[in-house]
Every structure is written in C-alpha cells, then in structure tokens.
Amino acid sequence: MTNKAFSNQREAALALLNGGYRLTRKAGQFLGQIAVDPAPMSEKQSDWLAKLLERFELPPLAKGGAQ
C-alpha cells in the first residue's frame, strides 16, 4: 500500500475492511458505519480509526479528512 494519507474516513475504513485484516466484530461494525455515514467522527472515533490504521501499518487519515 502507498504511504499517501487517506483523504477521508470512507477511504480509510474501506481499506481496512477490504484489506483482509483480522478485525473484531466491533471494529468491523465501526468501520462499516463510518464508511457509509458521512457525519463527522467524534474525537474517540477518530482516535480509534487512527489506532487501527497504525496497527495494520496503513497510512494515516489526512489532516481534515475526518469529515
């Protein structure tokens, strides 16, 4: 995968969901929700997404990418 930051939460969530990573059911539900819901993420949601991206060595969400 490229080192380019994800431009929005949908791209980041779909990369995690489609990447074949071993996710918990709770993480999968969270990622599915932020992939389809354009509402801004809360600070806690942003932190969780950042941790998931880091755990699976994916690029971060671009600054301002949390719609």
PDB file of N, CA and C in Angstrom:
ATOM      1  N   MET A   1       0.851  -1.184   0.000  1.00  0.00           N
ATOM      2  CA  MET A   1       0.000   0.000   0.000  1.00  0.00           C
ATOM      3  C   MET A   1       0.884   1.231   0.000  1.00  0.00           C
ATOM      4  N   THR A   2       0.372   2.276  -0.525  1.00  0.00           N
ATOM      5  CA  THR A   2       1.099   3.536  -0.609  1.00  0.00           C
ATOM      6  C   THR A   2       1.201   4.206   0.765  1.00  0.00           C
ATOM      7  N   ASN A   3       2.127   5.134   0.886  1.00  0.00           N
ATOM      8  CA  ASN A   3       2.278   5.878   2.136  1.00  0.00           C
ATOM      9  C   ASN A   3       1.465   7.160   2.134  1.00  0.00           C
ATOM     10  N   LYS A   4       0.708   7.402   1.076  1.00  0.00           N
ATOM     11  CA  LYS A   4      -0.111   8.593   0.969  1.00  0.00           C
ATOM     12  C   LYS A   4      -1.265   8.506   1.969  1.00  0.00           C
ATOM     13  N   ALA A   5      -1.479   9.591   2.691  1.00  0.00           N
ATOM     14  CA  ALA A   5      -2.547   9.627   3.690  1.00  0.00           C
ATOM     15  C   ALA A   5      -3.912   9.479   3.022  1.00  0.00           C
ATOM     16  N   PHE A   6      -4.834   8.842   3.724  1.00  0.00           N
ATOM     17  CA  PHE A   6      -6.203   8.712   3.229  1.00  0.00           C
ATOM     18  C   PHE A   6      -6.869  10.075   3.276  1.00  0.00           C
ATOM     19  N   SER A   7      -7.583  10.416   2.210  1.00  0.00           N
ATOM     20  CA  SER A   7      -8.176  11.750   2.136  1.00  0.00           C
ATOM     21  C   SER A   7      -9.473  11.876   2.928  1.00  0.00           C
ATOM     22  N   ASN A   8     -10.103  10.740   3.252  1.00  0.00           N
ATOM     23  CA  ASN A   8     -11.339  10.815   4.045  1.00  0.00           C
ATOM     24  C   ASN A   8     -11.555   9.514   4.813  1.00  0.00           C
ATOM     25  N   GLN A   9     -12.504   9.561   5.734  1.00  0.00           N
ATOM     26  CA  GLN A   9     -12.755   8.418   6.613  1.00  0.00           C
ATOM     27  C   GLN A   9     -13.270   7.210   5.839  1.00  0.00           C
ATOM     28  N   ARG A  10     -14.015   7.444   4.774  1.00  0.00           N
ATOM     29  CA  ARG A  10     -14.547   6.334   3.971  1.00  0.00           C
ATOM     30  C   ARG A  10     -13.413   5.528   3.337  1.00  0.00           C
ATOM     31  N   GLU A  11     -12.452   6.218   2.725  1.00  0.00           N
ATOM     32  CA  GLU A  11     -11.315   5.528   2.103  1.00  0.00           C
ATOM     33  C   GLU A  11     -10.548   4.702   3.134  1.00  0.00           C
ATOM     34  N   ALA A  12     -10.309   5.285   4.292  1.00  0.00           N
ATOM     35  CA  ALA A  12      -9.560   4.593   5.341  1.00  0.00           C
ATOM     36  C   ALA A  12     -10.324   3.360   5.830  1.00  0.00           C
ATOM     37  N   ALA A  13     -11.617   3.527   6.077  1.00  0.00           N
ATOM     38  CA  ALA A  13     -12.435   2.416   6.565  1.00  0.00           C
ATOM     39  C   ALA A  13     -12.503   1.291   5.542  1.00  0.00           C
ATOM     40  N   LEU A  14     -12.693   1.635   4.273  1.00  0.00           N
ATOM     41  CA  LEU A  14     -12.779   0.608   3.238  1.00  0.00           C
ATOM     42  C   LEU A  14     -11.447  -0.117   3.050  1.00  0.00           C
ATOM     43  N   ALA A  15     -10.343   0.597   3.199  1.00  0.00           N
ATOM     44  CA  ALA A  15      -9.031  -0.050   3.096  1.00  0.00           C
ATOM     45  C   ALA A  15      -8.877  -1.101   4.196  1.00  0.00           C
ATOM     46  N   LEU A  16      -9.339  -0.779   5.382  1.00  0.00           N
ATOM     47  CA  LEU A  16      -9.260  -1.739   6.486  1.00  0.00           C
ATOM     48  C   LEU A  16     -10.221  -2.909   6.273  1.00  0.00           C
ATOM     49  N   LEU A  17     -11.426  -2.615   5.828  1.00  0.00           N
ATOM     50  CA  LEU A  17     -12.413  -3.676   5.627  1.00  0.00           C
ATOM     51  C   LEU A  17     -12.041  -4.604   4.473  1.00  0.00           C
ATOM     52  N   ASN A  18     -11.476  -4.064   3.415  1.00  0.00           N
ATOM     53  CA  ASN A  18     -11.158  -4.859   2.227  1.00  0.00           C
ATOM     54  C   ASN A  18      -9.747  -5.420   2.218  1.00  0.00           C
ATOM     55  N   GLY A  19      -8.964  -5.091   3.233  1.00  0.00           N
ATOM     56  CA  GLY A  19      -7.560  -5.478   3.240  1.00  0.00           C
ATOM     57  C   GLY A  19      -7.267  -6.875   3.753  1.00  0.00           C
ATOM     58  N   GLY A  20      -8.285  -7.600   4.156  1.00  0.00           N
ATOM     59  CA  GLY A  20      -8.054  -8.951   4.666  1.00  0.00           C
ATOM     60  C   GLY A  20      -7.453  -8.974   6.061  1.00  0.00           C
ATOM     61  N   TYR A  21      -7.568  -7.871   6.786  1.00  0.00           N
ATOM     62  CA  TYR A  21      -7.023  -7.789   8.141  1.00  0.00           C
ATOM     63  C   TYR A  21      -7.938  -8.500   9.119  1.00  0.00           C
ATOM     64  N   ARG A  22      -7.359  -9.020  10.165  1.00  0.00           N
ATOM     65  CA  ARG A  22      -8.138  -9.705  11.197  1.00  0.00           C
ATOM     66  C   ARG A  22      -8.708  -8.646  12.140  1.00  0.00           C
ATOM     67  N   LEU A  23      -9.992  -8.388  11.985  1.00  0.00           N
ATOM     68  CA  LEU A  23     -10.679  -7.373  12.779  1.00  0.00           C
ATOM     69  C   LEU A  23     -11.699  -8.023  13.704  1.00  0.00           C
ATOM     70  N   THR A  24     -11.949  -7.392  14.815  1.00  0.00           N
ATOM     71  CA  THR A  24     -13.015  -7.864  15.695  1.00  0.00           C
ATOM     72  C   THR A  24     -14.361  -7.480  15.080  1.00  0.00           C
ATOM     73  N   ARG A  25     -15.405  -8.113  15.544  1.00  0.00           N
ATOM     74  CA  ARG A  25     -16.744  -7.771  15.066  1.00  0.00           C
ATOM     75  C   ARG A  25     -17.048  -6.302  15.364  1.00  0.00           C
ATOM     76  N   LYS A  26     -16.661  -5.862  16.546  1.00  0.00           N
ATOM     77  CA  LYS A  26     -16.905  -4.476  16.940  1.00  0.00           C
ATOM     78  C   LYS A  26     -16.166  -3.506  16.009  1.00  0.00           C
ATOM     79  N   ALA A  27     -14.926  -3.819  15.679  1.00  0.00           N
ATOM     80  CA  ALA A  27     -14.155  -2.967  14.765  1.00  0.00           C
ATOM     81  C   ALA A  27     -14.787  -2.972  13.378  1.00  0.00           C
ATOM     82  N   GLY A  28     -15.235  -4.126  12.927  1.00  0.00           N
ATOM     83  CA  GLY A  28     -15.886  -4.219  11.622  1.00  0.00           C
ATOM     84  C   GLY A  28     -17.159  -3.398  11.562  1.00  0.00           C
ATOM     85  N   GLN A  29     -17.938  -3.443  12.623  1.00  0.00           N
ATOM     86  CA  GLN A  29     -19.170  -2.654  12.675  1.00  0.00           C
ATOM     87  C   GLN A  29     -18.851  -1.160  12.661  1.00  0.00           C
ATOM     88  N   PHE A  30     -17.849  -0.774  13.427  1.00  0.00           N
ATOM     89  CA  PHE A  30     -17.427   0.619  13.473  1.00  0.00           C
ATOM     90  C   PHE A  30     -16.979   1.095  12.096  1.00  0.00           C
ATOM     91  N   LEU A  31     -16.141   0.312  11.449  1.00  0.00           N
ATOM     92  CA  LEU A  31     -15.633   0.693  10.132  1.00  0.00           C
ATOM     93  C   LEU A  31     -16.753   0.749   9.096  1.00  0.00           C
ATOM     94  N   GLY A  32     -17.681  -0.194   9.154  1.00  0.00           N
ATOM     95  CA  GLY A  32     -18.818  -0.164   8.245  1.00  0.00           C
ATOM     96  C   GLY A  32     -19.651   1.084   8.433  1.00  0.00           C
ATOM     97  N   GLN A  33     -19.845   1.474   9.669  1.00  0.00           N
ATOM     98  CA  GLN A  33     -20.634   2.669   9.960  1.00  0.00           C
ATOM     99  C   GLN A  33     -19.959   3.930   9.430  1.00  0.00           C
ATOM    100  N   ILE A  34     -18.666   4.088   9.697  1.00  0.00           N
ATOM    101  CA  ILE A  34     -18.019   5.326   9.245  1.00  0.00           C
ATOM    102  C   ILE A  34     -17.793   5.328   7.733  1.00  0.00           C
ATOM    103  N   ALA A  35     -17.842   4.155   7.102  1.00  0.00           N
ATOM    104  CA  ALA A  35     -17.693   4.095   5.651  1.00  0.00           C
ATOM    105  C   ALA A  35     -18.947   4.609   4.948  1.00  0.00           C
ATOM    106  N   VAL A  36     -20.101   4.415   5.557  1.00  0.00           N
ATOM    107  CA  VAL A  36     -21.353   4.807   4.891  1.00  0.00           C
ATOM    108  C   VAL A  36     -21.984   6.071   5.469  1.00  0.00           C
ATOM    109  N   ASP A  37     -21.571   6.472   6.641  1.00  0.00           N
ATOM    110  CA  ASP A  37     -22.165   7.645   7.293  1.00  0.00           C
ATOM    111  C   ASP A  37     -21.228   8.839   7.139  1.00  0.00           C
ATOM    112  N   PRO A  38     -21.630   9.849   6.376  1.00  0.00           N
ATOM    113  CA  PRO A  38     -20.751  10.998   6.153  1.00  0.00           C
ATOM    114  C   PRO A  38     -20.669  11.968   7.339  1.00  0.00           C
ATOM    115  N   ALA A  39     -21.367  11.664   8.424  1.00  0.00           N
ATOM    116  CA  ALA A  39     -21.323  12.548   9.591  1.00  0.00           C
ATOM    117  C   ALA A  39     -19.900  12.603  10.150  1.00  0.00           C
ATOM    118  N   PRO A  40     -19.527  13.748  10.696  1.00  0.00           N
ATOM    119  CA  PRO A  40     -18.189  13.866  11.289  1.00  0.00           C
ATOM    120  C   PRO A  40     -18.005  12.854  12.421  1.00  0.00           C
ATOM    121  N   MET A  41     -16.800  12.346  12.525  1.00  0.00           N
ATOM    122  CA  MET A  41     -16.487  11.412  13.612  1.00  0.00           C
ATOM    123  C   MET A  41     -16.232  12.196  14.893  1.00  0.00           C
ATOM    124  N   SER A  42     -16.524  11.547  16.009  1.00  0.00           N
ATOM    125  CA  SER A  42     -16.190  12.141  17.302  1.00  0.00           C
ATOM    126  C   SER A  42     -14.673  11.987  17.506  1.00  0.00           C
ATOM    127  N   GLU A  43     -14.173  12.635  18.519  1.00  0.00           N
ATOM    128  CA  GLU A  43     -12.738  12.528  18.831  1.00  0.00           C
ATOM    129  C   GLU A  43     -12.363  11.077  19.149  1.00  0.00           C
ATOM    130  N   LYS A  44     -13.227  10.375  19.887  1.00  0.00           N
ATOM    131  CA  LYS A  44     -12.967   8.973  20.228  1.00  0.00           C
ATOM    132  C   LYS A  44     -12.941   8.098  18.982  1.00  0.00           C
ATOM    133  N   GLN A  45     -13.872   8.354  18.053  1.00  0.00           N
ATOM    134  CA  GLN A  45     -13.901   7.586  16.810  1.00  0.00           C
ATOM    135  C   GLN A  45     -12.648   7.862  15.980  1.00  0.00           C
ATOM    136  N   SER A  46     -12.254   9.114  15.902  1.00  0.00           N
ATOM    137  CA  SER A  46     -11.037   9.471  15.166  1.00  0.00           C
ATOM    138  C   SER A  46      -9.814   8.775  15.758  1.00  0.00           C
ATOM    139  N   ASP A  47      -9.750   8.739  17.083  1.00  0.00           N
ATOM    140  CA  ASP A  47      -8.630   8.072  17.753  1.00  0.00           C
ATOM    141  C   ASP A  47      -8.625   6.578  17.443  1.00  0.00           C
ATOM    142  N   TRP A  48      -9.797   5.954  17.474  1.00  0.00           N
ATOM    143  CA  TRP A  48      -9.888   4.513  17.215  1.00  0.00           C
ATOM    144  C   TRP A  48      -9.480   4.208  15.782  1.00  0.00           C
ATOM    145  N   LEU A  49      -9.950   5.008  14.838  1.00  0.00           N
ATOM    146  CA  LEU A  49      -9.574   4.800  13.440  1.00  0.00           C
ATOM    147  C   LEU A  49      -8.067   4.957  13.275  1.00  0.00           C
ATOM    148  N   ALA A  50      -7.486   5.962  13.908  1.00  0.00           N
ATOM    149  CA  ALA A  50      -6.040   6.175  13.824  1.00  0.00           C
ATOM    150  C   ALA A  50      -5.276   4.971  14.384  1.00  0.00           C
ATOM    151  N   LYS A  51      -5.759   4.417  15.487  1.00  0.00           N
ATOM    152  CA  LYS A  51      -5.104   3.246  16.083  1.00  0.00           C
ATOM    153  C   LYS A  51      -5.192   2.033  15.170  1.00  0.00           C
ATOM    154  N   LEU A  52      -6.350   1.832  14.540  1.00  0.00           N
ATOM    155  CA  LEU A  52      -6.496   0.704  13.616  1.00  0.00           C
ATOM    156  C   LEU A  52      -5.562   0.861  12.413  1.00  0.00           C
ATOM    157  N   LEU A  53      -5.505   2.053  11.852  1.00  0.00           N
ATOM    158  CA  LEU A  53      -4.617   2.289  10.715  1.00  0.00           C
ATOM    159  C   LEU A  53      -3.163   2.040  11.099  1.00  0.00           C
ATOM    160  N   GLU A  54      -2.777   2.508  12.271  1.00  0.00           N
ATOM    161  CA  GLU A  54      -1.399   2.312  12.741  1.00  0.00           C
ATOM    162  C   GLU A  54      -1.112   0.830  12.993  1.00  0.00           C
ATOM    163  N   ARG A  55      -2.044   0.129  13.619  1.00  0.00           N
ATOM    164  CA  ARG A  55      -1.858  -1.285  13.938  1.00  0.00           C
ATOM    165  C   ARG A  55      -1.585  -2.120  12.687  1.00  0.00           C
ATOM    166  N   PHE A  56      -2.270  -1.782  11.601  1.00  0.00           N
ATOM    167  CA  PHE A  56      -2.113  -2.554  10.379  1.00  0.00           C
ATOM    168  C   PHE A  56      -1.178  -1.878   9.376  1.00  0.00           C
ATOM    169  N   GLU A  57      -0.399  -0.926   9.890  1.00  0.00           N
ATOM    170  CA  GLU A  57       0.655  -0.256   9.132  1.00  0.00           C
ATOM    171  C   GLU A  57       0.141   0.385   7.844  1.00  0.00           C
ATOM    172  N   LEU A  58      -1.020   1.029   7.956  1.00  0.00           N
ATOM    173  CA  LEU A  58      -1.597   1.765   6.848  1.00  0.00           C
ATOM    174  C   LEU A  58      -1.343   3.249   7.070  1.00  0.00           C
ATOM    175  N   PRO A  59      -1.406   4.041   5.995  1.00  0.00           N
ATOM    176  CA  PRO A  59      -1.190   5.486   6.163  1.00  0.00           C
ATOM    177  C   PRO A  59      -2.266   6.097   7.044  1.00  0.00           C
ATOM    178  N   PRO A  60      -1.971   7.221   7.638  1.00  0.00           N
ATOM    179  CA  PRO A  60      -2.966   7.891   8.492  1.00  0.00           C
ATOM    180  C   PRO A  60      -4.024   8.591   7.665  1.00  0.00           C
ATOM    181  N   LEU A  61      -5.011   9.100   8.356  1.00  0.00           N
ATOM    182  CA  LEU A  61      -6.038   9.938   7.743  1.00  0.00           C
ATOM    183  C   LEU A  61      -5.433  11.331   7.575  1.00  0.00           C
ATOM    184  N   ALA A  62      -5.621  11.931   6.413  1.00  0.00           N
ATOM    185  CA  ALA A  62      -5.088  13.268   6.168  1.00  0.00           C
ATOM    186  C   ALA A  62      -5.717  14.261   7.124  1.00  0.00           C
ATOM    187  N   LYS A  63      -4.974  15.274   7.456  1.00  0.00           N
ATOM    188  CA  LYS A  63      -5.496  16.316   8.320  1.00  0.00           C
ATOM    189  C   LYS A  63      -6.734  16.915   7.666  1.00  0.00           C
ATOM    190  N   GLY A  64      -7.818  16.976   8.412  1.00  0.00           N
ATOM    191  CA  GLY A  64      -9.072  17.464   7.853  1.00  0.00           C
ATOM    192  C   GLY A  64      -9.868  16.384   7.132  1.00  0.00           C
ATOM    193  N   GLY A  65      -9.366  15.146   7.138  1.00  0.00           N
ATOM    194  CA  GLY A  65     -10.036  14.062   6.438  1.00  0.00           C
ATOM    195  C   GLY A  65     -11.211  13.462   7.187  1.00  0.00           C
ATOM    196  N   ALA A  66     -11.294  13.765   8.475  1.00  0.00           N
ATOM    197  CA  ALA A  66     -12.440  13.292   9.254  1.00  0.00           C
ATOM    198  C   ALA A  66     -13.605  14.209   8.963  1.00  0.00           C
ATOM    199  N   GLN A  67     -14.423  13.802   8.024  1.00  0.00           N
ATOM    200  CA  GLN A  67     -15.496  14.667   7.516  1.00  0.00           C
ATOM    201  C   GLN A  67     -16.487  15.020   8.573  1.00  0.00           C
TER     202      GLN A  67
END
